[in-house]
Amino acid sequence: MTDDVSRIDLARELGVHEHVLRSHLHEYFGEQTGQEAPEALTRGQADGFLAWHATRYGTAG
């Protein structure tokens, strides 16, 4: 069993369209790691992204 979180699940959780999520993930991973965002995030990565997103954009995009 894996604890990966898909981009679709994250978009639903945030209430944003996938293209908006993709842009926000690109911004987050660019700032945090300088790398591209993975297709699926570990639960830890997702939690970090959600915390960053809440600070940057509020809970929804």
PDB file of N, CA and C in Angstrom:
ATOM      1  N   MET A   1       0.844  -1.181   0.000  1.00  0.00           N
ATOM      2  CA  MET A   1       0.000   0.000   0.000  1.00  0.00           C
ATOM      3  C   MET A   1       0.885   1.239   0.000  1.00  0.00           C
ATOM      4  N   THR A   2       0.509   2.198  -0.819  1.00  0.00           N
ATOM      5  CA  THR A   2       1.299   3.413  -0.929  1.00  0.00           C
ATOM      6  C   THR A   2       0.538   4.590  -0.340  1.00  0.00           C
ATOM      7  N   ASP A   3       1.279   5.545   0.124  1.00  0.00           N
ATOM      8  CA  ASP A   3       0.618   6.731   0.660  1.00  0.00           C
ATOM      9  C   ASP A   3       0.803   7.922  -0.272  1.00  0.00           C
ATOM     10  N   ASP A   4       1.050   7.654  -1.572  1.00  0.00           N
ATOM     11  CA  ASP A   4       1.189   8.734  -2.540  1.00  0.00           C
ATOM     12  C   ASP A   4      -0.135   9.463  -2.724  1.00  0.00           C
ATOM     13  N   VAL A   5      -0.038  10.739  -2.999  1.00  0.00           N
ATOM     14  CA  VAL A   5      -1.210  11.587  -3.207  1.00  0.00           C
ATOM     15  C   VAL A   5      -1.149  12.100  -4.643  1.00  0.00           C
ATOM     16  N   SER A   6      -2.182  11.848  -5.417  1.00  0.00           N
ATOM     17  CA  SER A   6      -2.183  12.277  -6.816  1.00  0.00           C
ATOM     18  C   SER A   6      -2.504  13.760  -6.926  1.00  0.00           C
ATOM     19  N   ARG A   7      -2.166  14.324  -8.065  1.00  0.00           N
ATOM     20  CA  ARG A   7      -2.479  15.729  -8.316  1.00  0.00           C
ATOM     21  C   ARG A   7      -3.993  15.935  -8.350  1.00  0.00           C
ATOM     22  N   ILE A   8      -4.713  14.973  -8.868  1.00  0.00           N
ATOM     23  CA  ILE A   8      -6.170  15.072  -8.918  1.00  0.00           C
ATOM     24  C   ILE A   8      -6.739  15.163  -7.506  1.00  0.00           C
ATOM     25  N   ASP A   9      -6.226  14.320  -6.610  1.00  0.00           N
ATOM     26  CA  ASP A   9      -6.697  14.364  -5.214  1.00  0.00           C
ATOM     27  C   ASP A   9      -6.380  15.705  -4.561  1.00  0.00           C
ATOM     28  N   LEU A  10      -5.193  16.241  -4.826  1.00  0.00           N
ATOM     29  CA  LEU A  10      -4.823  17.544  -4.259  1.00  0.00           C
ATOM     30  C   LEU A  10      -5.721  18.650  -4.808  1.00  0.00           C
ATOM     31  N   ALA A  11      -5.984  18.616  -6.106  1.00  0.00           N
ATOM     32  CA  ALA A  11      -6.848  19.627  -6.712  1.00  0.00           C
ATOM     33  C   ALA A  11      -8.235  19.587  -6.081  1.00  0.00           C
ATOM     34  N   ARG A  12      -8.748  18.387  -5.883  1.00  0.00           N
ATOM     35  CA  ARG A  12     -10.060  18.254  -5.250  1.00  0.00           C
ATOM     36  C   ARG A  12     -10.027  18.775  -3.816  1.00  0.00           C
ATOM     37  N   GLU A  13      -8.970  18.438  -3.093  1.00  0.00           N
ATOM     38  CA  GLU A  13      -8.862  18.872  -1.699  1.00  0.00           C
ATOM     39  C   GLU A  13      -8.821  20.397  -1.584  1.00  0.00           C
ATOM     40  N   LEU A  14      -8.153  21.038  -2.534  1.00  0.00           N
ATOM     41  CA  LEU A  14      -8.031  22.492  -2.509  1.00  0.00           C
ATOM     42  C   LEU A  14      -9.193  23.197  -3.200  1.00  0.00           C
ATOM     43  N   GLY A  15      -9.952  22.454  -3.987  1.00  0.00           N
ATOM     44  CA  GLY A  15     -11.062  23.055  -4.722  1.00  0.00           C
ATOM     45  C   GLY A  15     -10.606  23.900  -5.893  1.00  0.00           C
ATOM     46  N   VAL A  16      -9.513  23.483  -6.544  1.00  0.00           N
ATOM     47  CA  VAL A  16      -8.996  24.206  -7.707  1.00  0.00           C
ATOM     48  C   VAL A  16      -8.935  23.267  -8.907  1.00  0.00           C
ATOM     49  N   HIS A  17      -8.861  23.856 -10.093  1.00  0.00           N
ATOM     50  CA  HIS A  17      -8.695  23.065 -11.311  1.00  0.00           C
ATOM     51  C   HIS A  17      -7.266  22.531 -11.375  1.00  0.00           C
ATOM     52  N   GLU A  18      -7.099  21.434 -12.087  1.00  0.00           N
ATOM     53  CA  GLU A  18      -5.770  20.810 -12.177  1.00  0.00           C
ATOM     54  C   GLU A  18      -4.720  21.747 -12.754  1.00  0.00           C
ATOM     55  N   HIS A  19      -5.075  22.576 -13.743  1.00  0.00           N
ATOM     56  CA  HIS A  19      -4.066  23.467 -14.336  1.00  0.00           C
ATOM     57  C   HIS A  19      -3.596  24.512 -13.325  1.00  0.00           C
ATOM     58  N   VAL A  20      -4.487  24.945 -12.424  1.00  0.00           N
ATOM     59  CA  VAL A  20      -4.091  25.873 -11.364  1.00  0.00           C
ATOM     60  C   VAL A  20      -3.169  25.154 -10.386  1.00  0.00           C
ATOM     61  N   LEU A  21      -3.540  23.947 -10.016  1.00  0.00           N
ATOM     62  CA  LEU A  21      -2.704  23.163  -9.108  1.00  0.00           C
ATOM     63  C   LEU A  21      -1.322  22.940  -9.706  1.00  0.00           C
ATOM     64  N   ARG A  22      -1.262  22.605 -10.980  1.00  0.00           N
ATOM     65  CA  ARG A  22       0.012  22.361 -11.653  1.00  0.00           C
ATOM     66  C   ARG A  22       0.916  23.583 -11.537  1.00  0.00           C
ATOM     67  N   SER A  23       0.335  24.772 -11.740  1.00  0.00           N
ATOM     68  CA  SER A  23       1.104  26.012 -11.633  1.00  0.00           C
ATOM     69  C   SER A  23       1.607  26.225 -10.206  1.00  0.00           C
ATOM     70  N   HIS A  24       0.747  25.978  -9.224  1.00  0.00           N
ATOM     71  CA  HIS A  24       1.138  26.163  -7.830  1.00  0.00           C
ATOM     72  C   HIS A  24       2.182  25.136  -7.402  1.00  0.00           C
ATOM     73  N   LEU A  25       2.044  23.907  -7.876  1.00  0.00           N
ATOM     74  CA  LEU A  25       3.056  22.881  -7.572  1.00  0.00           C
ATOM     75  C   LEU A  25       4.407  23.269  -8.168  1.00  0.00           C
ATOM     76  N   HIS A  26       4.389  23.776  -9.389  1.00  0.00           N
ATOM     77  CA  HIS A  26       5.625  24.203 -10.041  1.00  0.00           C
ATOM     78  C   HIS A  26       6.294  25.305  -9.217  1.00  0.00           C
ATOM     79  N   GLU A  27       5.495  26.253  -8.764  1.00  0.00           N
ATOM     80  CA  GLU A  27       6.017  27.341  -7.934  1.00  0.00           C
ATOM     81  C   GLU A  27       6.596  26.799  -6.618  1.00  0.00           C
ATOM     82  N   TYR A  28       5.846  25.945  -5.947  1.00  0.00           N
ATOM     83  CA  TYR A  28       6.279  25.390  -4.661  1.00  0.00           C
ATOM     84  C   TYR A  28       7.566  24.585  -4.800  1.00  0.00           C
ATOM     85  N   PHE A  29       7.595  23.630  -5.717  1.00  0.00           N
ATOM     86  CA  PHE A  29       8.781  22.793  -5.849  1.00  0.00           C
ATOM     87  C   PHE A  29       9.973  23.583  -6.377  1.00  0.00           C
ATOM     88  N   GLY A  30       9.721  24.582  -7.205  1.00  0.00           N
ATOM     89  CA  GLY A  30      10.802  25.447  -7.668  1.00  0.00           C
ATOM     90  C   GLY A  30      11.458  26.179  -6.512  1.00  0.00           C
ATOM     91  N   GLU A  31      10.621  26.691  -5.591  1.00  0.00           N
ATOM     92  CA  GLU A  31      11.154  27.398  -4.422  1.00  0.00           C
ATOM     93  C   GLU A  31      11.834  26.445  -3.450  1.00  0.00           C
ATOM     94  N   GLN A  32      11.235  25.296  -3.217  1.00  0.00           N
ATOM     95  CA  GLN A  32      11.717  24.380  -2.186  1.00  0.00           C
ATOM     96  C   GLN A  32      12.898  23.528  -2.632  1.00  0.00           C
ATOM     97  N   THR A  33      12.872  23.052  -3.888  1.00  0.00           N
ATOM     98  CA  THR A  33      13.893  22.099  -4.316  1.00  0.00           C
ATOM     99  C   THR A  33      14.614  22.487  -5.598  1.00  0.00           C
ATOM    100  N   GLY A  34      14.049  23.432  -6.336  1.00  0.00           N
ATOM    101  CA  GLY A  34      14.629  23.782  -7.624  1.00  0.00           C
ATOM    102  C   GLY A  34      14.362  22.727  -8.685  1.00  0.00           C
ATOM    103  N   GLN A  35      13.457  21.802  -8.399  1.00  0.00           N
ATOM    104  CA  GLN A  35      13.147  20.731  -9.336  1.00  0.00           C
ATOM    105  C   GLN A  35      11.680  20.769  -9.726  1.00  0.00           C
ATOM    106  N   GLU A  36      11.345  19.972 -10.742  1.00  0.00           N
ATOM    107  CA  GLU A  36       9.957  19.848 -11.170  1.00  0.00           C
ATOM    108  C   GLU A  36       9.163  19.060 -10.141  1.00  0.00           C
ATOM    109  N   ALA A  37       7.884  19.329 -10.070  1.00  0.00           N
ATOM    110  CA  ALA A  37       6.992  18.600  -9.159  1.00  0.00           C
ATOM    111  C   ALA A  37       6.747  17.194  -9.710  1.00  0.00           C
ATOM    112  N   PRO A  38       6.747  16.202  -8.838  1.00  0.00           N
ATOM    113  CA  PRO A  38       6.453  14.840  -9.279  1.00  0.00           C
ATOM    114  C   PRO A  38       4.971  14.694  -9.640  1.00  0.00           C
ATOM    115  N   GLU A  39       4.647  13.667 -10.409  1.00  0.00           N
ATOM    116  CA  GLU A  39       3.251  13.409 -10.766  1.00  0.00           C
ATOM    117  C   GLU A  39       2.429  13.050  -9.533  1.00  0.00           C
ATOM    118  N   ALA A  40       2.994  12.265  -8.651  1.00  0.00           N
ATOM    119  CA  ALA A  40       2.341  11.914  -7.385  1.00  0.00           C
ATOM    120  C   ALA A  40       3.278  12.313  -6.262  1.00  0.00           C
ATOM    121  N   LEU A  41       2.705  12.854  -5.219  1.00  0.00           N
ATOM    122  CA  LEU A  41       3.495  13.305  -4.080  1.00  0.00           C
ATOM    123  C   LEU A  41       3.362  12.320  -2.934  1.00  0.00           C
ATOM    124  N   THR A  42       4.416  12.221  -2.139  1.00  0.00           N
ATOM    125  CA  THR A  42       4.293  11.443  -0.908  1.00  0.00           C
ATOM    126  C   THR A  42       3.370  12.224   0.025  1.00  0.00           C
ATOM    127  N   ARG A  43       2.854  11.583   1.031  1.00  0.00           N
ATOM    128  CA  ARG A  43       1.979  12.273   1.976  1.00  0.00           C
ATOM    129  C   ARG A  43       2.721  13.442   2.622  1.00  0.00           C
ATOM    130  N   GLY A  44       4.009  13.248   2.938  1.00  0.00           N
ATOM    131  CA  GLY A  44       4.807  14.318   3.525  1.00  0.00           C
ATOM    132  C   GLY A  44       4.959  15.508   2.587  1.00  0.00           C
ATOM    133  N   GLN A  45       5.224  15.236   1.305  1.00  0.00           N
ATOM    134  CA  GLN A  45       5.328  16.317   0.323  1.00  0.00           C
ATOM    135  C   GLN A  45       3.992  17.044   0.192  1.00  0.00           C
ATOM    136  N   ALA A  46       2.910  16.273   0.150  1.00  0.00           N
ATOM    137  CA  ALA A  46       1.575  16.861   0.017  1.00  0.00           C
ATOM    138  C   ALA A  46       1.253  17.743   1.219  1.00  0.00           C
ATOM    139  N   ASP A  47       1.571  17.275   2.408  1.00  0.00           N
ATOM    140  CA  ASP A  47       1.311  18.067   3.617  1.00  0.00           C
ATOM    141  C   ASP A  47       2.114  19.366   3.605  1.00  0.00           C
ATOM    142  N   GLY A  48       3.374  19.278   3.185  1.00  0.00           N
ATOM    143  CA  GLY A  48       4.201  20.481   3.079  1.00  0.00           C
ATOM    144  C   GLY A  48       3.639  21.447   2.055  1.00  0.00           C
ATOM    145  N   PHE A  49       3.206  20.923   0.915  1.00  0.00           N
ATOM    146  CA  PHE A  49       2.617  21.762  -0.115  1.00  0.00           C
ATOM    147  C   PHE A  49       1.330  22.411   0.384  1.00  0.00           C
ATOM    148  N   LEU A  50       0.479  21.642   1.047  1.00  0.00           N
ATOM    149  CA  LEU A  50      -0.789  22.185   1.550  1.00  0.00           C
ATOM    150  C   LEU A  50      -0.556  23.306   2.567  1.00  0.00           C
ATOM    151  N   ALA A  51       0.444  23.141   3.427  1.00  0.00           N
ATOM    152  CA  ALA A  51       0.773  24.184   4.407  1.00  0.00           C
ATOM    153  C   ALA A  51       1.278  25.435   3.692  1.00  0.00           C
ATOM    154  N   TRP A  52       2.152  25.261   2.715  1.00  0.00           N
ATOM    155  CA  TRP A  52       2.664  26.386   1.933  1.00  0.00           C
ATOM    156  C   TRP A  52       1.521  27.074   1.200  1.00  0.00           C
ATOM    157  N   HIS A  53       0.643  26.280   0.584  1.00  0.00           N
ATOM    158  CA  HIS A  53      -0.472  26.809  -0.196  1.00  0.00           C
ATOM    159  C   HIS A  53      -1.405  27.636   0.687  1.00  0.00           C
ATOM    160  N   ALA A  54      -1.672  27.140   1.889  1.00  0.00           N
ATOM    161  CA  ALA A  54      -2.553  27.861   2.812  1.00  0.00           C
ATOM    162  C   ALA A  54      -1.948  29.219   3.183  1.00  0.00           C
ATOM    163  N   THR A  55      -0.629  29.242   3.363  1.00  0.00           N
ATOM    164  CA  THR A  55       0.053  30.489   3.701  1.00  0.00           C
ATOM    165  C   THR A  55       0.077  31.442   2.513  1.00  0.00           C
ATOM    166  N   ARG A  56       0.364  30.919   1.341  1.00  0.00           N
ATOM    167  CA  ARG A  56       0.522  31.749   0.144  1.00  0.00           C
ATOM    168  C   ARG A  56      -0.810  32.190  -0.436  1.00  0.00           C
ATOM    169  N   TYR A  57      -1.765  31.259  -0.558  1.00  0.00           N
ATOM    170  CA  TYR A  57      -3.002  31.529  -1.284  1.00  0.00           C
ATOM    171  C   TYR A  57      -4.270  31.397  -0.443  1.00  0.00           C
ATOM    172  N   GLY A  58      -4.148  31.008   0.803  1.00  0.00           N
ATOM    173  CA  GLY A  58      -5.336  30.643   1.558  1.00  0.00           C
ATOM    174  C   GLY A  58      -5.646  29.183   1.237  1.00  0.00           C
ATOM    175  N   THR A  59      -6.732  28.670   1.683  1.00  0.00           N
ATOM    176  CA  THR A  59      -6.995  27.239   1.478  1.00  0.00           C
ATOM    177  C   THR A  59      -7.351  26.895   0.053  1.00  0.00           C
ATOM    178  N   ALA A  60      -7.905  27.809  -0.709  1.00  0.00           N
ATOM    179  CA  ALA A  60      -8.248  27.535  -2.103  1.00  0.00           C
ATOM    180  C   ALA A  60      -7.453  28.456  -3.005  1.00  0.00           C
ATOM    181  N   GLY A  61      -7.271  28.021  -4.237  1.00  0.00           N
ATOM    182  CA  GLY A  61      -6.519  28.792  -5.208  1.00  0.00           C
ATOM    183  C   GLY A  61      -7.310  29.932  -5.744  1.00  0.00           C
TER     184      GLY A  61
END
